[in-house]
Amino acid sequence: MTQSRKFNFSLVILCITFPFLKGIAQSDDQSNGAYREVYIKKTWERLDENKDGEFTEEDNKRIWKHLNKLLDSNGDALISFEEFSTKKQVPYLKTEGKRKLNVLYKVTKEEDLYLDIYYPKTLKEGEKLPVVIYTHGGGWAAGSRHGAANASFKTVHTALLEKGFCVVSVSYRLWKNGGNTTMRDCVIDSKDAMRYLSKHNKELGIDANRFFSFGDSAGGQIAQMLLLSPPESLKGEKSLEKYTYKMIAGVSWYGPCDFEDISLFNHDDSPNFKDRFGARITKPDTKPKDKLLLYKEMSPINYLHKNSAPLLMIQGDKDTTIPVKHAYYMAEKANEFGAPVTTLIVKNAGHNWRKVGADINPNRGNIEQSTIDYFVSHL
C-alpha cells in the first residue's frame, strides 16, 4: 500500500436501473413488503418528477433508453406506476445472517429517512458488534442506500460481515436544483444515523465505541466527515443530539477532501475551470462570507489532526470528477500534522474505477481486498 464533479449522469442511471437487472436478490425476510414499498415509492418519485403518473422518453431520454425495454411491458411508449411497481426485484445484501431492513431513523419535512442493518452469520446472544456505516455516492443528488448491494460494495460488505462486522447502509436527503437540501444536510443526516445507532445500541446489538465509515464519491466525502468531524458537531435531530459514538477508522473511495481550494477539482488545470459543486453546498441567497464558511465546514481536511481516527483514501489517477489531487493534498496535510492517513493511488483509473487506457492497477479485486484488510486491521 502506497503512502503518500461535474455530476456523473451515469450514476443516476445505475441507481435506477440496477435493481431490475438479473442477479439481484429479493428479500425473503418479514420486512420484505415494507422494504419493497418504500424502495418502489422513492425510486418512482425520482422518475416521475412532474407527478403525472407516467414516465416517457420526453421526461428523460437517457434514462428512458435504459428502462423502456425492461419496464414498458405493453409497448405503449410509456411506463406507468403499475408497470414500474410490478417489478419484484429489490436490491439488498444476500447473506446468511439476520438483517433489519427499512429502519426509520429520522423524519424530516422533506422525507422519512431509513437505514438497513446487516448482521454476520456468527452473531452471538448479547454480543456487541463493530459497525461499518456505508454512505452511497451520487453527487449528493442521486444514489441510494441500496447501492450497498451493488458490484464492489456487495463484495466488500459481504466480506466484512464474514469477518464479524455489522454493516449499516444509510439513506440521506438529496440535493435538488432549486430545493432546500444542501450537502450539509447530507452530512447531518448521516451523523444522525450514527446517533440513532448509538441510542439504540443495546437492542441492535452494536458497539457505539467501534464505528467505522465507508463511502464512495460524494459518499466518500461524507465518510470522511463522519470519521474526522467531532461526534457533537453538525447536529440535526433534537432527540438524537446527546448520543455519541467513537470512530475507529474509515475508507474513502474517490471522495473529495477540500472545497475551499477549488483548484483541486481542476484536473487538467484549465483556465476556464468553474466551481462545479458550490451550488450543492450553498443556497441561492447565501451571502459571500457565509459561503466561505460553508465550504470550510464541508471540507473533511479541516477536521484532520494528529489524533484523528485512521483514514484510507483510494483514488484513481485519471479521475476527472474527483481528481487525484485530493488524495495528494490530504496526504500532504497528514504529514504536516502527523495524522494517520494512508493513500492508495490506482493507476489508469477514472471515477468509479473506470478504465482509462491501460488496465487499472491495482485491479478492482485488489482495491476491494485492500479496503477489507484496512477495516480488519483496525478491529
Protein backbone atom coordinates (compact mmCIF):
# COMPACT_ATOMS: atom_id res chain seq x y z
CA MET A 1 0.00 0.00 0.00
CA THR A 2 1.46 3.33 -1.04
CA GLN A 3 1.71 6.40 1.18
CA SER A 4 2.00 9.30 0.03
CA ARG A 5 -17.90 16.52 -10.38
CA LYS A 6 -19.30 17.53 -12.61
CA PHE A 7 -22.29 15.37 -11.71
CA ASN A 8 -21.93 12.00 -13.40
CA PHE A 9 -25.26 11.21 -15.01
CA SER A 10 -24.42 7.52 -15.28
CA LEU A 11 -24.77 7.33 -11.51
CA VAL A 12 -28.44 8.25 -11.84
CA ILE A 13 -28.99 5.55 -14.44
CA LEU A 14 -27.19 2.99 -12.30
CA CYS A 15 -29.17 3.68 -9.15
CA ILE A 16 -32.48 3.39 -11.03
CA THR A 17 -31.79 0.52 -13.41
CA PHE A 18 -29.55 -1.75 -11.37
CA PRO A 19 -32.28 -3.19 -9.16
CA PHE A 20 -34.09 -4.51 -12.22
CA LEU A 21 -31.12 -6.33 -13.66
CA LYS A 22 -30.65 -10.08 -13.35
CA GLY A 23 -28.93 -11.36 -10.25
CA ILE A 24 -30.22 -9.03 -7.56
CA ALA A 25 -31.56 -11.00 -4.63
CA GLN A 26 -35.11 -10.49 -3.46
CA SER A 27 -35.59 -10.08 0.27
CA ASP A 28 -37.05 -13.14 1.94
CA ASP A 29 -37.49 -11.80 5.48
CA GLN A 30 -40.52 -10.37 7.26
CA SER A 31 -39.72 -6.78 6.30
CA ASN A 32 -39.84 -7.52 2.57
CA GLY A 33 -43.23 -5.89 1.98
CA ALA A 34 -42.43 -2.61 3.68
CA TYR A 35 -38.88 -2.60 2.32
CA ARG A 36 -40.08 -3.01 -1.23
CA GLU A 37 -42.89 -0.50 -0.80
CA VAL A 38 -40.53 2.23 0.36
CA TYR A 39 -37.96 1.39 -2.31
CA ILE A 40 -40.53 1.50 -5.13
CA LYS A 41 -42.02 4.75 -3.85
CA LYS A 42 -38.68 6.52 -3.53
CA THR A 43 -37.40 5.41 -6.92
CA TRP A 44 -40.64 6.29 -8.70
CA GLU A 45 -40.62 9.78 -7.19
CA ARG A 46 -37.25 10.39 -8.83
CA LEU A 47 -38.56 9.29 -12.22
CA ASP A 48 -41.96 10.97 -12.12
CA GLU A 49 -40.84 14.46 -11.16
CA ASN A 50 -43.85 16.15 -12.77
CA LYS A 51 -46.23 13.84 -10.87
CA ASP A 52 -48.32 12.88 -13.92
CA GLY A 53 -48.21 9.17 -13.10
CA GLU A 54 -46.10 8.09 -16.05
CA PHE A 55 -42.54 8.15 -17.35
CA THR A 56 -41.79 8.66 -21.05
CA GLU A 57 -38.88 9.37 -23.34
CA GLU A 58 -39.74 13.07 -23.22
CA ASP A 59 -39.17 13.10 -19.47
CA ASN A 60 -35.58 11.93 -19.79
CA LYS A 61 -34.20 10.36 -22.95
CA ARG A 62 -31.11 8.87 -21.34
CA ILE A 63 -32.92 7.08 -18.54
CA TRP A 64 -35.74 6.06 -20.88
CA LYS A 65 -33.22 4.34 -23.13
CA HIS A 66 -32.20 2.10 -20.25
CA LEU A 67 -35.66 1.46 -18.80
CA ASN A 68 -38.13 1.10 -21.65
CA LYS A 69 -37.17 -2.46 -22.63
CA LEU A 70 -37.15 -3.54 -19.00
CA LEU A 71 -40.38 -1.94 -17.84
CA ASP A 72 -42.65 -0.96 -20.76
CA SER A 73 -44.43 -4.32 -20.79
CA ASN A 74 -47.29 -3.34 -23.13
CA GLY A 75 -45.18 -1.35 -25.60
CA ASP A 76 -47.22 1.86 -25.34
CA ALA A 77 -44.12 4.08 -25.12
CA LEU A 78 -44.70 4.98 -21.51
CA ILE A 79 -44.03 3.40 -18.15
CA SER A 80 -46.90 3.59 -15.71
CA PHE A 81 -46.54 3.26 -11.97
CA GLU A 82 -48.32 -0.10 -12.23
CA GLU A 83 -45.70 -1.39 -14.67
CA PHE A 84 -42.93 0.03 -12.53
CA SER A 85 -44.23 -1.39 -9.27
CA THR A 86 -44.80 -4.93 -10.57
CA LYS A 87 -41.05 -5.49 -10.70
CA LYS A 88 -40.32 -7.55 -7.61
CA GLN A 89 -36.56 -7.40 -7.53
CA VAL A 90 -35.31 -5.08 -4.81
CA PRO A 91 -31.59 -4.78 -4.01
CA TYR A 92 -30.36 -5.88 -0.64
CA LEU A 93 -27.35 -7.80 0.64
CA LYS A 94 -27.98 -11.53 0.37
CA THR A 95 -26.30 -13.01 3.42
CA GLU A 96 -26.82 -15.89 5.82
CA GLY A 97 -27.07 -13.56 8.79
CA LYS A 98 -30.03 -11.64 10.16
CA ARG A 99 -30.98 -8.24 8.82
CA LYS A 100 -33.21 -5.35 9.75
CA LEU A 101 -34.40 -3.55 6.63
CA ASN A 102 -36.19 -0.22 6.40
CA VAL A 103 -35.31 1.02 9.88
CA LEU A 104 -36.75 4.52 10.21
CA TYR A 105 -34.13 6.65 11.93
CA LYS A 106 -35.26 10.20 11.18
CA VAL A 107 -38.28 12.13 9.98
CA THR A 108 -37.72 15.39 8.11
CA LYS A 109 -40.15 17.74 6.43
CA GLU A 110 -38.83 16.58 3.07
CA GLU A 111 -38.93 12.82 3.64
CA ASP A 112 -38.56 9.92 6.05
CA LEU A 113 -35.05 8.50 6.25
CA TYR A 114 -34.19 4.83 6.61
CA LEU A 115 -31.21 2.58 7.15
CA ASP A 116 -30.60 -1.13 6.61
CA ILE A 117 -28.73 -3.22 9.17
CA TYR A 118 -26.97 -6.47 8.27
CA TYR A 119 -25.57 -8.89 10.85
CA PRO A 120 -22.87 -11.55 10.49
CA LYS A 121 -23.93 -15.19 10.47
CA THR A 122 -21.81 -15.75 13.57
CA LEU A 123 -23.84 -13.33 15.73
CA LYS A 124 -23.94 -14.48 19.35
CA GLU A 125 -26.52 -13.65 22.00
CA GLY A 126 -25.56 -10.45 23.83
CA GLU A 127 -22.63 -9.71 21.52
CA LYS A 128 -21.90 -6.05 20.68
CA LEU A 129 -20.60 -5.75 17.15
CA PRO A 130 -18.32 -3.25 15.43
CA VAL A 131 -20.23 -1.35 12.74
CA VAL A 132 -19.27 -0.23 9.23
CA ILE A 133 -21.54 2.63 8.14
CA TYR A 134 -21.82 2.88 4.34
CA THR A 135 -22.77 6.20 2.69
CA HIS A 136 -23.56 5.97 -1.02
CA GLY A 137 -22.26 8.12 -3.85
CA GLY A 138 -24.21 10.09 -6.44
CA GLY A 139 -23.04 13.70 -6.28
CA TRP A 140 -25.11 14.40 -3.14
CA ALA A 141 -28.04 14.38 -5.60
CA ALA A 142 -28.61 10.75 -6.56
CA GLY A 143 -27.96 7.18 -5.47
CA SER A 144 -29.46 5.32 -2.54
CA ARG A 145 -28.55 3.10 0.37
CA HIS A 146 -29.42 0.12 -1.82
CA GLY A 147 -26.08 0.67 -3.53
CA ALA A 148 -24.60 -1.36 -0.68
CA ALA A 149 -25.71 -4.46 -2.62
CA ASN A 150 -24.13 -3.41 -5.91
CA ALA A 151 -20.91 -4.62 -7.52
CA SER A 152 -17.76 -3.92 -5.49
CA PHE A 153 -19.74 -2.68 -2.50
CA LYS A 154 -21.51 -6.02 -2.29
CA THR A 155 -18.13 -7.77 -2.32
CA VAL A 156 -16.68 -5.58 0.42
CA HIS A 157 -19.75 -5.65 2.65
CA THR A 158 -20.22 -9.41 2.33
CA ALA A 159 -16.59 -9.97 3.29
CA LEU A 160 -16.86 -7.62 6.26
CA LEU A 161 -19.92 -9.50 7.50
CA GLU A 162 -17.91 -12.70 7.31
CA LYS A 163 -15.20 -11.01 9.38
CA GLY A 164 -17.69 -10.23 12.16
CA PHE A 165 -18.69 -6.66 11.36
CA CYS A 166 -22.23 -5.35 11.33
CA VAL A 167 -22.88 -3.36 8.13
CA VAL A 168 -25.31 -0.42 8.04
CA SER A 169 -26.34 1.31 4.81
CA VAL A 170 -27.74 4.81 5.25
CA SER A 171 -30.19 6.98 3.33
CA TYR A 172 -29.82 10.75 3.47
CA ARG A 173 -31.66 13.65 1.89
CA LEU A 174 -30.54 14.52 -1.64
CA TRP A 175 -29.79 17.86 -3.22
CA LYS A 176 -32.18 19.09 -5.91
CA ASN A 177 -31.77 22.15 -8.08
CA GLY A 178 -33.97 24.82 -6.57
CA GLY A 179 -34.60 22.80 -3.43
CA ASN A 180 -33.66 23.43 0.19
CA THR A 181 -31.40 20.44 0.79
CA THR A 182 -27.65 21.07 0.71
CA MET A 183 -24.54 18.99 1.25
CA ARG A 184 -24.64 19.99 4.90
CA ASP A 185 -27.98 18.19 5.27
CA CYS A 186 -26.49 15.05 3.68
CA VAL A 187 -23.74 15.04 6.30
CA ILE A 188 -26.06 15.89 9.21
CA ASP A 189 -28.48 13.11 8.24
CA SER A 190 -25.63 10.60 8.12
CA LYS A 191 -24.34 11.72 11.51
CA ASP A 192 -27.87 11.45 12.89
CA ALA A 193 -27.97 7.88 11.60
CA MET A 194 -24.94 7.12 13.75
CA ARG A 195 -26.51 8.89 16.71
CA TYR A 196 -29.61 6.74 16.21
CA LEU A 197 -27.45 3.62 16.21
CA SER A 198 -25.77 4.82 19.39
CA LYS A 199 -29.12 5.50 21.05
CA HIS A 200 -30.40 2.01 20.25
CA ASN A 201 -27.09 0.18 20.57
CA LYS A 202 -28.32 -2.33 23.16
CA GLU A 203 -31.36 -3.58 21.28
CA LEU A 204 -29.45 -3.52 17.99
CA GLY A 205 -26.51 -5.43 19.44
CA ILE A 206 -23.86 -2.98 18.28
CA ASP A 207 -20.88 -1.27 19.88
CA ALA A 208 -21.14 2.53 19.61
CA ASN A 209 -17.46 2.75 20.54
CA ARG A 210 -16.46 0.85 17.41
CA PHE A 211 -17.87 2.70 14.42
CA PHE A 212 -16.18 2.64 11.00
CA SER A 213 -17.10 4.69 7.91
CA PHE A 214 -17.03 3.75 4.23
CA GLY A 215 -18.26 5.58 1.16
CA ASP A 216 -17.63 6.38 -2.48
CA SER A 217 -17.51 9.73 -4.31
CA ALA A 218 -19.99 12.03 -2.52
CA GLY A 219 -20.38 9.21 -0.02
CA GLY A 220 -16.61 9.21 0.34
CA GLN A 221 -16.72 12.85 1.43
CA ILE A 222 -19.49 12.01 3.89
CA ALA A 223 -17.50 9.02 5.17
CA GLN A 224 -14.54 11.33 5.78
CA MET A 225 -16.79 13.79 7.60
CA LEU A 226 -18.21 11.02 9.79
CA LEU A 227 -14.71 9.85 10.61
CA LEU A 228 -12.99 13.19 11.22
CA SER A 229 -15.59 15.67 12.48
CA PRO A 230 -16.37 15.52 16.22
CA PRO A 231 -19.50 13.49 17.14
CA GLU A 232 -21.05 16.57 18.76
CA SER A 233 -20.65 18.69 15.61
CA LEU A 234 -23.24 19.21 12.87
CA LYS A 235 -26.27 18.43 14.99
CA GLY A 236 -29.60 17.68 13.41
CA GLU A 237 -32.49 15.84 15.06
CA LYS A 238 -33.04 17.29 18.55
CA SER A 239 -33.91 13.95 20.13
CA LEU A 240 -30.59 12.46 18.98
CA GLU A 241 -28.25 15.29 19.96
CA LYS A 242 -27.00 13.80 23.22
CA TYR A 243 -25.96 10.45 21.78
CA THR A 244 -22.33 9.99 20.89
CA TYR A 245 -20.04 7.38 19.39
CA LYS A 246 -16.39 6.65 18.71
CA MET A 247 -14.87 6.36 15.25
CA ILE A 248 -12.16 3.74 14.75
CA ALA A 249 -11.20 4.01 11.06
CA GLY A 250 -12.62 4.90 7.65
CA VAL A 251 -12.17 4.32 3.93
CA SER A 252 -12.99 6.80 1.17
CA TRP A 253 -13.18 5.74 -2.47
CA TYR A 254 -12.60 8.73 -4.80
CA GLY A 255 -14.12 11.19 -2.33
CA PRO A 256 -13.16 14.90 -2.15
CA CYS A 257 -11.41 16.25 0.94
CA ASP A 258 -11.48 20.03 0.40
CA PHE A 259 -13.90 22.53 -1.16
CA GLU A 260 -12.09 25.71 -0.17
CA ASP A 261 -9.33 25.14 -2.72
CA ILE A 262 -11.43 24.65 -5.85
CA SER A 263 -8.29 24.14 -7.94
CA LEU A 264 -8.25 20.61 -6.52
CA PHE A 265 -11.23 19.88 -8.80
CA ASN A 266 -9.48 21.26 -11.90
CA HIS A 267 -8.00 18.00 -13.15
CA ASP A 268 -6.21 19.49 -16.18
CA ASP A 269 -5.51 22.99 -14.81
CA SER A 270 -7.86 24.54 -17.35
CA PRO A 271 -8.03 28.37 -17.27
CA ASN A 272 -11.79 28.13 -17.91
CA PHE A 273 -12.47 25.89 -14.94
CA LYS A 274 -15.63 26.65 -12.92
CA ASP A 275 -16.67 25.59 -9.43
CA ARG A 276 -18.86 22.54 -10.04
CA PHE A 277 -20.12 21.72 -6.57
CA GLY A 278 -20.65 25.09 -4.93
CA ALA A 279 -24.38 25.07 -5.63
CA ARG A 280 -24.69 21.89 -3.59
CA ILE A 281 -23.00 23.46 -0.59
CA THR A 282 -24.78 26.81 -0.56
CA LYS A 283 -28.22 28.19 -1.30
CA PRO A 284 -29.01 30.95 -3.84
CA ASP A 285 -29.39 33.53 -1.08
CA THR A 286 -26.20 32.56 0.80
CA LYS A 287 -24.02 35.60 1.47
CA PRO A 288 -20.39 35.54 0.25
CA LYS A 289 -18.91 35.42 3.77
CA ASP A 290 -21.25 32.57 4.73
CA LYS A 291 -20.40 30.74 1.52
CA LEU A 292 -16.74 30.56 2.53
CA LEU A 293 -17.67 29.29 5.98
CA LEU A 294 -19.83 26.54 4.47
CA TYR A 295 -17.04 25.50 2.10
CA LYS A 296 -14.75 25.24 5.10
CA GLU A 297 -17.28 23.36 7.20
CA MET A 298 -17.88 20.75 4.48
CA SER A 299 -14.16 20.11 3.88
CA PRO A 300 -13.07 16.97 5.78
CA ILE A 301 -9.45 18.08 5.70
CA ASN A 302 -10.25 20.89 8.13
CA TYR A 303 -11.06 18.33 10.84
CA LEU A 304 -7.80 16.44 10.44
CA HIS A 305 -5.41 16.43 13.41
CA LYS A 306 -2.69 14.31 14.96
CA ASN A 307 -5.11 12.14 16.90
CA SER A 308 -7.65 11.65 14.12
CA ALA A 309 -9.00 8.16 13.51
CA PRO A 310 -7.08 6.43 10.69
CA LEU A 311 -8.22 7.08 7.12
CA LEU A 312 -7.52 5.21 3.89
CA MET A 313 -8.09 7.26 0.73
CA ILE A 314 -8.18 5.29 -2.52
CA GLN A 315 -8.15 7.49 -5.62
CA GLY A 316 -7.80 7.00 -9.38
CA ASP A 317 -5.03 8.95 -11.10
CA LYS A 318 -7.21 9.59 -14.18
CA ASP A 319 -10.33 10.68 -12.30
CA THR A 320 -11.72 13.90 -13.80
CA THR A 321 -14.70 14.11 -11.42
CA ILE A 322 -12.77 13.97 -8.15
CA PRO A 323 -9.13 14.39 -9.23
CA VAL A 324 -6.27 12.55 -7.56
CA LYS A 325 -5.11 15.95 -6.28
CA HIS A 326 -7.44 15.41 -3.32
CA ALA A 327 -5.57 12.32 -2.15
CA TYR A 328 -2.19 14.00 -2.57
CA TYR A 329 -3.37 17.08 -0.69
CA MET A 330 -4.79 15.04 2.18
CA ALA A 331 -1.53 13.07 2.41
CA GLU A 332 0.46 16.31 2.45
CA LYS A 333 -1.61 17.75 5.29
CA ALA A 334 -1.50 14.47 7.17
CA ASN A 335 2.29 14.52 7.03
CA GLU A 336 2.30 18.05 8.44
CA PHE A 337 0.09 17.09 11.37
CA GLY A 338 1.37 13.57 11.88
CA ALA A 339 -2.16 12.32 11.20
CA PRO A 340 -2.81 8.65 10.31
CA VAL A 341 -3.79 8.92 6.63
CA THR A 342 -2.85 6.30 4.05
CA THR A 343 -3.34 6.80 0.32
CA LEU A 344 -3.61 4.18 -2.39
CA ILE A 345 -3.39 5.60 -5.92
CA VAL A 346 -4.97 3.48 -8.64
CA LYS A 347 -3.21 3.90 -11.98
CA ASN A 348 -5.25 4.31 -15.19
CA ALA A 349 -8.47 4.64 -13.16
CA GLY A 350 -11.20 7.20 -13.65
CA HIS A 351 -14.23 7.74 -11.44
CA ASN A 352 -15.88 4.52 -10.23
CA TRP A 353 -12.64 2.70 -11.15
CA ARG A 354 -13.42 3.18 -14.82
CA LYS A 355 -10.55 2.01 -17.01
CA VAL A 356 -8.73 4.85 -18.80
CA GLY A 357 -6.30 3.49 -21.37
CA ALA A 358 -4.43 0.57 -19.84
CA ASP A 359 -5.84 -1.76 -17.20
CA ILE A 360 -6.25 -0.23 -13.77
CA ASN A 361 -3.54 -1.09 -11.26
CA PRO A 362 -4.19 -2.35 -8.65
CA ASN A 363 -7.23 -4.06 -10.14
CA ARG A 364 -10.73 -3.91 -8.71
CA GLY A 365 -10.31 -7.12 -6.74
CA ASN A 366 -7.19 -5.79 -5.05
CA ILE A 367 -8.91 -2.49 -4.28
CA GLU A 368 -11.73 -4.40 -2.62
CA GLN A 369 -9.29 -6.54 -0.66
CA SER A 370 -7.26 -3.50 0.45
CA THR A 371 -10.46 -1.98 1.79
CA ILE A 372 -11.44 -5.14 3.65
CA ASP A 373 -7.95 -5.59 5.08
CA TYR A 374 -7.84 -1.99 6.29
CA PHE A 375 -11.02 -2.37 8.30
CA VAL A 376 -9.99 -5.73 9.72
CA SER A 377 -6.56 -4.39 10.71
CA HIS A 378 -8.25 -1.80 12.94
CA LEU A 379 -10.61 -4.16 14.75
